[in-house]
Amino acid sequence: MSGTRMTETEEKTERPSDRTASPLTGACLRVCRRLPPRLRAAVEREAALIPDFCERLSEIRVRADRLASLVLDGHNLPLSVVVPAAEVEALLRRCCDGSVYAYTESLREGYLFVDGCRVGVAGRAVTRDGAVLGVDLVSSLVFRLPHSVPGAADAALEAFERLEGAQGMLVYSAPGVGKTTLLRDLILRLSCGPRARRVAVVDCREELGAQALGRGCMVDFLVGYPKAEGIEIATRTLSPEVVVCDEIGSFDEAESILGTQSCGVPLIASAHADSFGALMRRGPVRLLCECGVFGAFVGITRRRDRRRYTVDWAPPPSGDALSFAGEAARLKKRGIS
C-alpha cells in the first residue's frame, strides 16, 4: 500500500525560561527521590551543569553492577556510578511500595508505573510451559520520564479534523521519539473546549495521562485492560465519539478494531515504525489500512530537541471494512504478522 505525502510541519520543544532553585523538577524530581543516594547525586550534578536538564531528560537507566546512564535529547549520557545488584533489587522494592507481589501482573509484562512514569524492567524470566509468570534477578530498571510538549498534536489534530470522523488515524515513529507525547496532547485537545468530544482511552500501560487531564475533559479511561478487550468494552458500553489506544500490532487487536469501525467510531492508535514503508510492511497494520480503518498516518522523527511531523493520506480502501474479520483470519493462517 502507498500513501500520498501531503503535509509536513516542524515543532521545536519549548522550554521554560525560568528555573527553580532546585536542579530537579517534576517527574525527574519524583523519580530521583527513589534512587540510591549516589545515583541521585550524580543526576543532580548533571542537572546543575546542563541547561534545561529536566525538560531534555527522557530516561534514567539503572543497571545492576554496571554504569547507570541517562538519555538526554535522544543521546546516551553515561554516569560515573555503578549500582550494585542489591541496590537495584532494593530500588525495585521501593518502586513497588514494598510489595513486589502486588505488581506481579505488570512485572510479567516487563514494566511498572511509578510516580507518573513507566519503568521498564529487565531480568531473568520465570516461566512455566512457555508462559512468562514473572521476573527474577532484576538487572535493569529504565525510568521513562513523561513530558508535556505544547503543540505536539497540531499536525495530527488538523489531519483528524479533515477526516471528519469517517476514518481513524495512526501515529508512528521509532521507539522513544514521541508517539505517547503526541497522543496525550491529542487526547487533551479532543476532549476539552467548545468542540469537546467523548473520548474513550484504552490505556494498557498507564502512559496516556489520566492524572494530567483537567476536570473539564470529556474522557473515559480504561486502565490496565488488555487492548483488544478494552477496545470492545469502550465501544460497546461507553458510547464514545473517538477511541484512542497505544501501540497496536497483533491480529487479535486488529480484529477488535473492526468492531469500533463497524459501529462508526474512529480509532486513533500508534505503532512502532521508523518510516511509512516500514509501517506498511507490518501485516496487521497493513490489513487495517487496506480495509480503510485509517485514513491518515502521522509520522514523527527527531533530531536532538526538534521533532518533525509528516502526514500521509491513504488512498480509498480496497474493500468493505466489514469483511475485515474473514480477511484477518485468512492472513493469520498464512502466518502474516
Protein backbone atom coordinates (compact mmCIF):
# COMPACT_ATOMS: atom_id res chain seq x y z
CA MET A 1 0.00 0.00 0.00
CA SER A 2 1.18 3.53 -0.69
CA GLY A 3 0.10 6.89 0.59
CA THR A 4 0.44 10.41 -0.75
CA ARG A 5 2.73 12.78 1.11
CA MET A 6 0.68 15.87 1.84
CA THR A 7 1.83 17.79 4.86
CA GLU A 8 4.98 18.41 6.86
CA THR A 9 5.27 20.52 9.98
CA GLU A 10 8.07 21.05 12.45
CA GLU A 11 7.94 21.62 16.17
CA LYS A 12 10.76 22.69 18.45
CA THR A 13 10.35 21.58 22.02
CA GLU A 14 9.51 24.61 24.14
CA ARG A 15 11.35 25.09 27.37
CA PRO A 16 10.53 27.38 30.23
CA SER A 17 12.95 30.26 30.59
CA ASP A 18 12.83 30.41 34.35
CA ARG A 19 14.30 27.82 36.66
CA THR A 20 13.65 26.98 40.27
CA ALA A 21 16.35 26.81 42.93
CA SER A 22 16.42 23.01 42.76
CA PRO A 23 18.15 21.46 39.74
CA LEU A 24 15.48 18.73 39.65
CA THR A 25 11.80 19.33 38.97
CA GLY A 26 8.62 17.49 38.07
CA ALA A 27 8.77 13.80 37.21
CA CYS A 28 12.58 13.90 37.33
CA LEU A 29 12.49 15.00 40.98
CA ARG A 30 9.85 12.42 41.91
CA VAL A 31 11.83 9.59 40.36
CA CYS A 32 15.17 10.71 41.78
CA ARG A 33 13.78 10.67 45.31
CA ARG A 34 13.59 6.88 44.95
CA LEU A 35 17.10 6.40 43.56
CA PRO A 36 20.11 5.29 45.61
CA PRO A 37 21.83 8.39 47.09
CA ARG A 38 24.99 8.15 44.96
CA LEU A 39 22.97 7.87 41.77
CA ARG A 40 20.69 10.73 42.70
CA ALA A 41 23.75 12.89 43.46
CA ALA A 42 25.18 12.07 40.03
CA VAL A 43 21.95 13.08 38.32
CA GLU A 44 21.86 16.32 40.33
CA ARG A 45 25.43 17.14 39.26
CA GLU A 46 24.47 16.79 35.61
CA ALA A 47 21.34 18.87 36.20
CA ALA A 48 23.43 21.67 37.67
CA LEU A 49 25.70 21.72 34.60
CA ILE A 50 23.22 21.24 31.73
CA PRO A 51 20.67 23.96 30.86
CA ASP A 52 17.01 22.86 30.93
CA PHE A 53 18.14 19.44 32.08
CA CYS A 54 14.79 18.10 33.33
CA GLU A 55 12.96 19.22 30.20
CA ARG A 56 15.51 17.47 27.99
CA LEU A 57 15.87 14.28 30.03
CA SER A 58 13.76 11.37 28.73
CA GLU A 59 15.22 8.32 30.52
CA ILE A 60 17.16 7.28 33.61
CA ARG A 61 18.64 3.81 33.10
CA VAL A 62 19.83 1.80 36.11
CA ARG A 63 21.79 -1.43 35.53
CA ALA A 64 22.94 -3.95 38.13
CA ASP A 65 26.73 -3.88 38.58
CA ARG A 66 27.11 -1.64 35.52
CA LEU A 67 27.24 2.07 34.83
CA ALA A 68 23.95 3.92 35.07
CA SER A 69 23.13 6.29 32.22
CA LEU A 70 20.73 8.99 31.05
CA VAL A 71 19.05 9.69 27.72
CA LEU A 72 19.18 13.41 27.02
CA ASP A 73 17.87 14.86 23.74
CA GLY A 74 17.89 11.30 22.40
CA HIS A 75 21.59 10.77 23.16
CA ASN A 76 23.13 8.43 25.74
CA LEU A 77 24.97 10.04 28.64
CA PRO A 78 26.88 7.54 30.86
CA LEU A 79 27.19 8.40 34.55
CA SER A 80 30.19 7.58 36.72
CA VAL A 81 28.09 5.47 39.09
CA VAL A 82 27.91 1.66 39.23
CA VAL A 83 24.82 0.46 41.09
CA PRO A 84 25.27 -2.89 42.89
CA ALA A 85 22.71 -5.60 42.14
CA ALA A 86 21.43 -5.49 45.73
CA GLU A 87 20.64 -1.78 45.35
CA VAL A 88 18.77 -2.42 42.10
CA GLU A 89 16.64 -5.02 43.89
CA ALA A 90 16.04 -2.54 46.74
CA LEU A 91 15.08 0.13 44.21
CA LEU A 92 12.56 -2.25 42.64
CA ARG A 93 11.00 -2.85 46.07
CA ARG A 94 10.75 0.90 46.68
CA CYS A 95 9.06 1.34 43.31
CA CYS A 96 6.58 -1.37 44.35
CA ASP A 97 5.99 0.36 47.71
CA GLY A 98 7.45 -2.67 49.46
CA SER A 99 5.09 -5.20 47.85
CA VAL A 100 6.55 -6.69 44.67
CA TYR A 101 3.80 -9.32 44.69
CA ALA A 102 1.14 -6.62 44.18
CA TYR A 103 2.79 -5.72 40.87
CA THR A 104 3.10 -9.28 39.55
CA GLU A 105 0.87 -8.74 36.51
CA SER A 106 2.66 -5.65 35.22
CA LEU A 107 6.09 -7.12 36.02
CA ARG A 108 5.14 -10.13 33.92
CA GLU A 109 4.63 -7.66 31.07
CA GLY A 110 8.00 -6.05 31.76
CA TYR A 111 7.04 -2.73 33.32
CA LEU A 112 5.83 -0.79 36.34
CA PHE A 113 4.01 2.52 36.57
CA VAL A 114 5.61 4.72 39.24
CA ASP A 115 5.37 8.44 40.05
CA GLY A 116 3.64 9.22 36.77
CA CYS A 117 6.14 7.41 34.55
CA ARG A 118 6.63 3.94 33.13
CA VAL A 119 9.56 1.86 34.36
CA GLY A 120 10.84 -0.88 32.06
CA VAL A 121 12.03 -3.96 33.96
CA ALA A 122 14.61 -6.44 32.65
CA GLY A 123 15.87 -9.58 34.34
CA ARG A 124 15.52 -13.35 34.25
CA ALA A 125 12.09 -14.58 33.22
CA VAL A 126 10.26 -17.07 35.41
CA THR A 127 8.38 -19.35 33.02
CA ARG A 128 6.04 -22.32 33.01
CA ASP A 129 5.10 -24.19 29.84
CA GLY A 130 6.49 -21.35 27.78
CA ALA A 131 4.44 -18.63 29.54
CA VAL A 132 6.14 -15.84 31.49
CA LEU A 133 4.94 -15.84 35.10
CA GLY A 134 7.21 -13.12 36.43
CA VAL A 135 10.75 -11.78 36.53
CA ASP A 136 13.62 -12.70 38.83
CA LEU A 137 17.13 -11.33 39.35
CA VAL A 138 16.22 -7.88 38.06
CA SER A 139 19.17 -6.47 36.11
CA SER A 140 17.84 -3.18 34.68
CA LEU A 141 15.26 -0.53 35.50
CA VAL A 142 14.52 2.08 32.84
CA PHE A 143 12.60 5.14 34.03
CA ARG A 144 10.87 6.85 31.11
CA LEU A 145 10.00 10.42 32.04
CA PRO A 146 6.84 11.89 30.51
CA HIS A 147 6.89 15.40 29.10
CA SER A 148 4.19 17.79 28.01
CA VAL A 149 5.10 19.34 24.65
CA PRO A 150 2.73 22.20 23.74
CA GLY A 151 1.67 21.90 20.11
CA ALA A 152 2.82 18.30 19.73
CA ALA A 153 -0.58 17.32 18.28
CA ASP A 154 -1.02 20.28 15.90
CA ALA A 155 -0.48 18.32 12.67
CA ALA A 156 -2.33 15.25 13.97
CA LEU A 157 -5.35 17.27 15.09
CA GLU A 158 -5.59 19.03 11.74
CA ALA A 159 -5.37 15.69 9.92
CA PHE A 160 -8.02 14.10 12.14
CA GLU A 161 -10.40 17.02 11.61
CA ARG A 162 -10.02 16.64 7.84
CA LEU A 163 -11.16 13.02 8.09
CA GLU A 164 -14.48 14.24 9.59
CA GLY A 165 -14.94 11.05 11.59
CA ALA A 166 -15.07 8.81 8.52
CA GLN A 167 -11.77 7.06 9.27
CA GLY A 168 -9.24 6.79 12.06
CA MET A 169 -5.62 7.85 12.29
CA LEU A 170 -2.37 6.03 13.02
CA VAL A 171 0.65 7.68 14.67
CA TYR A 172 4.02 6.00 14.11
CA SER A 173 7.68 6.51 14.95
CA ALA A 174 10.72 4.67 16.19
CA PRO A 175 10.63 3.89 19.94
CA GLY A 176 11.15 6.86 22.25
CA VAL A 177 10.61 9.59 19.66
CA GLY A 178 7.27 10.99 20.83
CA LYS A 179 4.20 8.89 19.98
CA THR A 180 2.89 8.85 23.54
CA THR A 181 3.58 12.57 24.00
CA LEU A 182 1.57 13.31 20.85
CA LEU A 183 -1.32 11.06 21.93
CA ARG A 184 -1.50 12.75 25.35
CA ASP A 185 -1.74 16.20 23.77
CA LEU A 186 -4.29 14.96 21.24
CA ILE A 187 -6.49 13.38 23.95
CA LEU A 188 -6.45 16.67 25.86
CA ARG A 189 -7.39 18.78 22.86
CA LEU A 190 -10.08 16.43 21.55
CA SER A 191 -11.80 16.10 24.94
CA CYS A 192 -11.74 19.74 26.10
CA GLY A 193 -13.05 23.07 24.91
CA PRO A 194 -16.14 24.20 22.96
CA ARG A 195 -15.83 21.32 20.44
CA ALA A 196 -15.07 18.64 23.03
CA ARG A 197 -15.79 15.06 22.03
CA ARG A 198 -16.46 11.99 24.13
CA VAL A 199 -13.08 10.25 24.08
CA ALA A 200 -12.54 6.70 25.37
CA VAL A 201 -8.89 5.87 26.09
CA VAL A 202 -7.69 2.28 26.35
CA ASP A 203 -4.53 2.79 28.41
CA CYS A 204 -2.95 -0.64 28.79
CA ARG A 205 0.26 0.57 30.44
CA GLU A 206 -0.94 3.70 32.24
CA GLU A 207 1.04 6.02 29.97
CA LEU A 208 -1.64 8.15 28.35
CA GLY A 209 -2.06 10.67 31.12
CA ALA A 210 -5.24 10.22 33.15
CA GLN A 211 -3.54 12.07 36.02
CA ALA A 212 -2.58 15.06 33.88
CA LEU A 213 -6.00 15.89 32.46
CA GLY A 214 -8.14 18.64 33.94
CA ARG A 215 -11.61 18.20 35.38
CA GLY A 216 -13.27 19.66 32.28
CA CYS A 217 -12.10 16.94 29.90
CA MET A 218 -14.76 14.60 28.46
CA VAL A 219 -12.58 11.48 28.59
CA ASP A 220 -13.13 7.98 29.97
CA PHE A 221 -10.09 5.83 30.77
CA LEU A 222 -9.95 2.04 30.69
CA VAL A 223 -6.67 1.41 32.51
CA GLY A 224 -4.86 -1.91 32.53
CA TYR A 225 -7.28 -3.73 30.21
CA PRO A 226 -5.87 -5.99 27.51
CA LYS A 227 -6.03 -3.83 24.40
CA ALA A 228 -8.46 -5.98 22.39
CA GLU A 229 -10.88 -6.32 25.30
CA GLY A 230 -10.59 -2.65 26.22
CA ILE A 231 -11.46 -1.51 22.70
CA GLU A 232 -14.51 -3.77 22.62
CA ILE A 233 -15.74 -2.62 26.05
CA ALA A 234 -15.19 1.04 25.23
CA THR A 235 -17.19 0.79 22.02
CA ARG A 236 -19.97 -1.32 23.48
CA THR A 237 -20.54 0.44 26.82
CA LEU A 238 -19.18 4.00 26.78
CA SER A 239 -20.73 5.47 23.61
CA PRO A 240 -17.52 7.25 22.58
CA GLU A 241 -17.10 9.55 19.60
CA VAL A 242 -13.39 8.67 19.41
CA VAL A 243 -11.40 5.72 20.77
CA VAL A 244 -7.68 6.17 21.50
CA CYS A 245 -5.22 3.40 22.31
CA ASP A 246 -1.47 2.99 22.34
CA GLU A 247 0.63 0.58 20.30
CA ILE A 248 -1.16 -1.97 18.14
CA GLY A 249 0.43 -4.90 16.37
CA SER A 250 -1.34 -8.26 16.73
CA PHE A 251 -4.14 -9.76 14.66
CA ASP A 252 -6.24 -10.21 17.82
CA GLU A 253 -6.08 -6.46 18.37
CA ALA A 254 -6.84 -5.86 14.71
CA GLU A 255 -9.99 -8.00 14.90
CA SER A 256 -11.22 -5.94 17.86
CA ILE A 257 -10.53 -2.73 15.97
CA LEU A 258 -13.01 -3.87 13.32
CA GLY A 259 -15.72 -3.68 15.99
CA THR A 260 -15.08 0.01 16.52
CA GLN A 261 -15.23 0.63 12.79
CA SER A 262 -18.47 -1.29 12.24
CA CYS A 263 -20.01 0.93 14.93
CA GLY A 264 -18.76 4.05 13.18
CA VAL A 265 -16.29 5.04 15.92
CA PRO A 266 -12.96 6.32 14.56
CA LEU A 267 -9.81 4.97 16.18
CA ILE A 268 -6.60 6.84 16.92
CA ALA A 269 -3.72 4.47 17.64
CA SER A 270 0.05 4.23 17.46
CA ALA A 271 2.57 1.75 16.09
CA HIS A 272 6.33 1.26 16.02
CA ALA A 273 7.93 2.04 12.64
CA ASP A 274 10.74 4.33 11.61
CA SER A 275 9.24 5.07 8.17
CA PHE A 276 5.96 4.86 6.30
CA GLY A 277 7.34 1.98 4.22
CA ALA A 278 8.29 0.02 7.34
CA LEU A 279 4.82 0.65 8.75
CA MET A 280 3.17 -0.85 5.69
CA ARG A 281 5.30 -3.99 5.95
CA ARG A 282 3.64 -4.90 9.26
CA GLY A 283 0.89 -7.42 8.45
CA PRO A 284 -1.86 -6.40 10.92
CA VAL A 285 -1.25 -2.69 10.30
CA ARG A 286 -1.25 -3.17 6.52
CA LEU A 287 -4.50 -5.10 6.74
CA LEU A 288 -6.19 -2.36 8.74
CA CYS A 289 -5.03 0.20 6.21
CA GLU A 290 -6.26 -1.80 3.24
CA CYS A 291 -9.65 -2.17 4.90
CA GLY A 292 -9.94 1.60 5.27
CA VAL A 293 -9.67 1.77 9.06
CA PHE A 294 -7.05 4.53 8.91
CA GLY A 295 -7.26 7.50 6.58
CA ALA A 296 -4.22 9.40 7.83
CA PHE A 297 -0.78 8.41 9.10
CA VAL A 298 1.27 10.79 11.22
CA GLY A 299 4.98 10.03 11.32
CA ILE A 300 7.40 11.52 13.85
CA THR A 301 11.15 11.89 13.52
CA ARG A 302 13.51 13.72 15.86
CA ARG A 303 16.96 15.25 15.78
CA ARG A 304 18.18 16.47 19.15
CA ASP A 305 15.34 18.62 20.56
CA ARG A 306 13.49 19.11 17.25
CA ARG A 307 10.62 16.91 16.11
CA ARG A 308 9.20 16.73 12.61
CA TYR A 309 5.67 15.54 11.90
CA THR A 310 4.75 14.18 8.48
CA VAL A 311 1.20 13.33 7.42
CA ASP A 312 0.44 10.73 4.73
CA TRP A 313 -3.05 10.18 3.38
CA ALA A 314 -4.43 6.77 2.48
CA PRO A 315 -5.95 6.01 -0.92
CA PRO A 316 -9.58 4.82 -0.93
CA PRO A 317 -9.99 1.46 0.86
CA SER A 318 -9.64 -1.61 -1.32
CA GLY A 319 -12.72 -3.33 0.15
CA ASP A 320 -15.53 -3.17 2.65
CA ALA A 321 -14.14 -2.89 6.19
CA LEU A 322 -16.88 -5.25 7.34
CA SER A 323 -15.07 -8.08 5.54
CA PHE A 324 -12.10 -7.47 7.81
CA ALA A 325 -12.60 -10.44 10.16
CA GLY A 326 -12.54 -13.02 7.40
CA GLU A 327 -9.56 -11.39 5.74
CA ALA A 328 -7.71 -11.25 9.06
CA ALA A 329 -8.31 -14.94 9.66
CA ARG A 330 -7.09 -15.78 6.16
CA LEU A 331 -3.85 -13.83 6.54
CA LYS A 332 -3.35 -15.12 10.07
CA LYS A 333 -3.49 -18.70 8.77
CA ARG A 334 -0.88 -17.75 6.19
CA GLY A 335 1.37 -16.57 9.01
CA ILE A 336 1.48 -12.91 8.00
CA SER A 337 2.20 -10.75 11.07
